[in-house]
Amino acid sequence: KFSKNLEDDWYYILRQFEKTREKIILKHSENVKSPRLEVLAGIVFGSETINPDEEIKENFKNSGLLHLLAASGLNVALIYGIWWWIASLIKLPFNFSILIGAIFIIFYTFMTGFPPSIIRASLMLLFVLFGKLIDRNADSVSLIFFVGFLILLFNPKMIFDIGFELSFMVTLGLITCCNPIIEKFKKIDEKY
């Protein structure tokens, strides 16, 4: 089914992932009815992929919870975390577990349609996992800037995407602020 045109092949692959996502949502529609189905699909795949109706979006927006309908780096971390837990339970070899987990992350990235936050989280995780395979640790700040550079290298217009901006700002904020806060609490805890 592959053609001589690389662009046609790429769109064919993307369409296959889209069909798989639609089948998953259709299967869930047997037990989960609207509007819960749209909310579930939005949380798992992101609102861009399922396009919930305006009333649902407006209700989430008014309640300040619209971000829940966006696929985010948390989804990537949950998927990998669940896989890692299963792999640990059945005692799979370390390198094999990492490789299969990386495949799951790549698959999920395709299923969500490549929103900026998923691309960022997936690339960061894949680089960390690759580092684990070659026994190297990643510097988080350097990694986030490198991933941002790679994304902008392939799509410079992404710099104007609010999802891109927020994903990188929040992640950078977490990376730079969490350790000092944790250390402060450790010192307070040691006193008592």
Protein backbone atom coordinates (compact mmCIF):
# COMPACT_ATOMS: atom_id res chain seq x y z
CA LYS A 1 0.00 0.00 0.00
CA PHE A 2 3.00 2.31 0.16
CA SER A 3 3.59 4.62 -2.78
CA LYS A 4 6.69 6.14 -4.28
CA ASN A 5 5.80 9.50 -2.75
CA LEU A 6 7.04 9.85 0.83
CA GLU A 7 4.43 12.49 1.68
CA ASP A 8 1.59 10.19 0.59
CA ASP A 9 3.05 7.41 2.72
CA TRP A 10 3.23 9.72 5.74
CA TYR A 11 -0.42 10.73 5.36
CA TYR A 12 -1.39 7.09 4.94
CA ILE A 13 0.34 6.21 8.23
CA LEU A 14 -1.29 9.14 10.03
CA ARG A 15 -4.70 8.11 8.67
CA GLN A 16 -4.21 4.58 10.03
CA PHE A 17 -3.55 5.99 13.51
CA GLU A 18 -6.61 8.22 13.17
CA LYS A 19 -8.74 5.20 12.24
CA THR A 20 -7.38 3.30 15.26
CA ARG A 21 -8.26 6.23 17.55
CA GLU A 22 -11.76 6.37 16.07
CA LYS A 23 -12.21 2.62 16.65
CA ILE A 24 -11.15 2.98 20.29
CA ILE A 25 -13.60 5.84 20.85
CA LEU A 26 -16.37 3.94 19.02
CA LYS A 27 -15.77 0.86 21.22
CA HIS A 28 -16.03 3.00 24.35
CA SER A 29 -19.23 4.61 23.05
CA GLU A 30 -20.98 1.27 23.65
CA ASN A 31 -20.68 1.84 27.42
CA VAL A 32 -19.96 5.56 27.85
CA LYS A 33 -22.52 7.99 26.48
CA SER A 34 -22.23 11.61 25.43
CA PRO A 35 -21.07 14.00 26.92
CA ARG A 36 -18.97 11.70 29.12
CA LEU A 37 -17.51 10.02 26.03
CA GLU A 38 -16.20 13.33 24.67
CA VAL A 39 -14.73 14.21 28.06
CA LEU A 40 -13.00 10.82 28.36
CA ALA A 41 -11.68 11.01 24.78
CA GLY A 42 -10.53 14.60 25.39
CA ILE A 43 -8.62 13.62 28.52
CA VAL A 44 -6.96 10.64 26.81
CA PHE A 45 -6.36 11.92 23.27
CA GLY A 46 -6.80 15.70 23.60
CA SER A 47 -9.67 17.88 22.49
CA GLU A 48 -8.06 18.57 19.09
CA THR A 49 -8.47 14.93 18.09
CA ILE A 50 -12.10 14.45 19.16
CA ASN A 51 -13.53 17.96 18.86
CA PRO A 52 -16.12 18.02 21.68
CA ASP A 53 -19.14 20.21 21.09
CA GLU A 54 -19.02 23.87 22.06
CA GLU A 55 -21.27 23.41 25.13
CA ILE A 56 -18.81 20.95 26.70
CA LYS A 57 -15.87 23.24 25.93
CA GLU A 58 -17.73 26.25 27.32
CA ASN A 59 -18.65 24.41 30.54
CA PHE A 60 -15.04 23.34 31.08
CA LYS A 61 -13.81 26.83 30.23
CA ASN A 62 -16.25 28.48 32.69
CA SER A 63 -15.22 26.09 35.46
CA GLY A 64 -11.51 26.71 34.82
CA LEU A 65 -10.94 23.07 33.86
CA LEU A 66 -10.50 23.37 30.09
CA HIS A 67 -6.89 22.18 30.41
CA LEU A 68 -8.25 18.74 31.40
CA LEU A 69 -9.46 18.27 27.83
CA ALA A 70 -5.90 18.67 26.54
CA ALA A 71 -3.52 15.76 26.24
CA SER A 72 -0.39 16.70 28.16
CA GLY A 73 2.96 15.49 29.35
CA LEU A 74 1.18 13.92 32.32
CA ASN A 75 -0.49 11.47 29.91
CA VAL A 76 2.92 10.46 28.55
CA ALA A 77 4.30 9.98 32.06
CA LEU A 78 1.26 7.92 33.11
CA ILE A 79 1.49 5.64 30.09
CA TYR A 80 5.19 5.03 30.61
CA GLY A 81 4.76 4.69 34.37
CA ILE A 82 2.03 2.07 33.99
CA TRP A 83 4.14 0.17 31.46
CA TRP A 84 7.19 0.32 33.76
CA TRP A 85 5.13 -0.99 36.67
CA ILE A 86 3.82 -3.91 34.55
CA ALA A 87 7.31 -4.65 33.21
CA SER A 88 8.66 -4.69 36.79
CA LEU A 89 5.89 -7.01 37.96
CA ILE A 90 6.60 -9.57 35.26
CA LYS A 91 10.37 -9.01 35.65
CA LEU A 92 11.20 -8.11 32.06
CA PRO A 93 14.85 -7.29 31.28
CA PHE A 94 15.73 -3.62 31.82
CA ASN A 95 16.71 -2.76 28.21
CA PHE A 96 13.73 -4.64 26.76
CA SER A 97 11.36 -2.77 29.11
CA ILE A 98 12.81 0.56 28.04
CA LEU A 99 12.54 -0.26 24.33
CA ILE A 100 8.92 -1.46 24.58
CA GLY A 101 8.04 1.58 26.70
CA ALA A 102 9.57 3.85 24.04
CA ILE A 103 7.43 2.15 21.39
CA PHE A 104 4.31 2.77 23.52
CA ILE A 105 5.23 6.46 23.83
CA ILE A 106 5.79 6.81 20.08
CA PHE A 107 2.47 5.05 19.41
CA TYR A 108 0.63 7.34 21.84
CA THR A 109 2.23 10.42 20.25
CA PHE A 110 0.87 9.35 16.86
CA MET A 111 -2.56 8.60 18.37
CA THR A 112 -2.88 12.12 19.81
CA GLY A 113 -2.06 13.87 16.55
CA PHE A 114 1.18 15.52 17.74
CA PRO A 115 0.08 18.37 20.03
CA PRO A 116 3.08 20.42 21.26
CA SER A 117 2.89 19.24 24.88
CA ILE A 118 2.90 15.58 23.85
CA ILE A 119 5.77 16.12 21.41
CA ARG A 120 7.79 17.86 24.14
CA ALA A 121 7.11 15.22 26.78
CA SER A 122 7.65 12.32 24.40
CA LEU A 123 10.94 13.65 23.05
CA MET A 124 12.24 14.42 26.53
CA LEU A 125 11.28 10.95 27.77
CA LEU A 126 12.72 9.23 24.70
CA PHE A 127 16.05 11.04 25.15
CA VAL A 128 16.12 10.11 28.85
CA LEU A 129 15.34 6.47 27.98
CA PHE A 130 18.04 6.44 25.30
CA GLY A 131 20.43 7.82 27.91
CA LYS A 132 19.49 4.96 30.25
CA LEU A 133 20.28 2.46 27.48
CA ILE A 134 23.78 3.90 27.03
CA ASP A 135 24.22 4.54 30.77
CA ARG A 136 24.10 8.33 30.65
CA ASN A 137 22.11 10.80 32.74
CA ALA A 138 20.43 13.84 31.22
CA ASP A 139 20.60 17.38 32.53
CA SER A 140 16.94 18.41 32.59
CA VAL A 141 17.46 22.08 31.73
CA SER A 142 19.77 21.29 28.81
CA LEU A 143 17.36 18.61 27.63
CA ILE A 144 14.33 20.90 27.58
CA PHE A 145 16.22 23.52 25.57
CA PHE A 146 17.52 20.87 23.15
CA VAL A 147 14.02 19.46 22.63
CA GLY A 148 12.66 22.98 22.08
CA PHE A 149 15.41 23.60 19.53
CA LEU A 150 14.58 20.35 17.69
CA ILE A 151 10.85 21.11 17.56
CA LEU A 152 11.47 24.64 16.28
CA LEU A 153 14.01 23.34 13.77
CA PHE A 154 11.28 21.23 12.15
CA ASN A 155 8.43 23.71 12.65
CA PRO A 156 9.53 27.29 13.45
CA LYS A 157 5.90 28.49 13.53
CA MET A 158 5.39 26.37 16.64
CA ILE A 159 6.91 29.20 18.69
CA PHE A 160 3.60 31.06 18.31
CA ASP A 161 1.51 28.09 19.52
CA ILE A 162 0.20 28.69 23.04
CA GLY A 163 0.36 24.97 23.81
CA PHE A 164 4.06 24.96 22.92
CA GLU A 165 4.77 28.05 25.01
CA LEU A 166 2.87 26.87 28.08
CA SER A 167 4.26 23.35 27.92
CA PHE A 168 7.85 24.58 27.90
CA MET A 169 7.33 27.33 30.47
CA VAL A 170 5.57 25.04 32.94
CA THR A 171 8.11 22.24 32.50
CA LEU A 172 11.05 24.62 32.87
CA GLY A 173 9.40 26.10 35.96
CA LEU A 174 8.94 22.65 37.49
CA ILE A 175 12.52 21.64 36.68
CA THR A 176 14.04 24.76 38.20
CA CYS A 177 11.74 25.16 41.22
CA CYS A 178 11.00 21.66 42.47
CA ASN A 179 14.44 20.69 43.77
CA PRO A 180 14.98 23.86 45.84
CA ILE A 181 11.50 23.52 47.34
CA ILE A 182 12.04 19.83 48.13
CA GLU A 183 15.41 20.60 49.74
CA LYS A 184 13.81 23.34 51.86
CA PHE A 185 11.15 20.91 53.11
CA LYS A 186 13.83 18.30 53.88
CA LYS A 187 15.67 20.83 56.05
CA ILE A 188 12.43 21.74 57.85
CA ASP A 189 11.64 18.04 58.32
CA GLU A 190 15.12 17.37 59.78
CA LYS A 191 14.59 20.09 62.38
CA TYR A 192 11.50 18.39 63.75
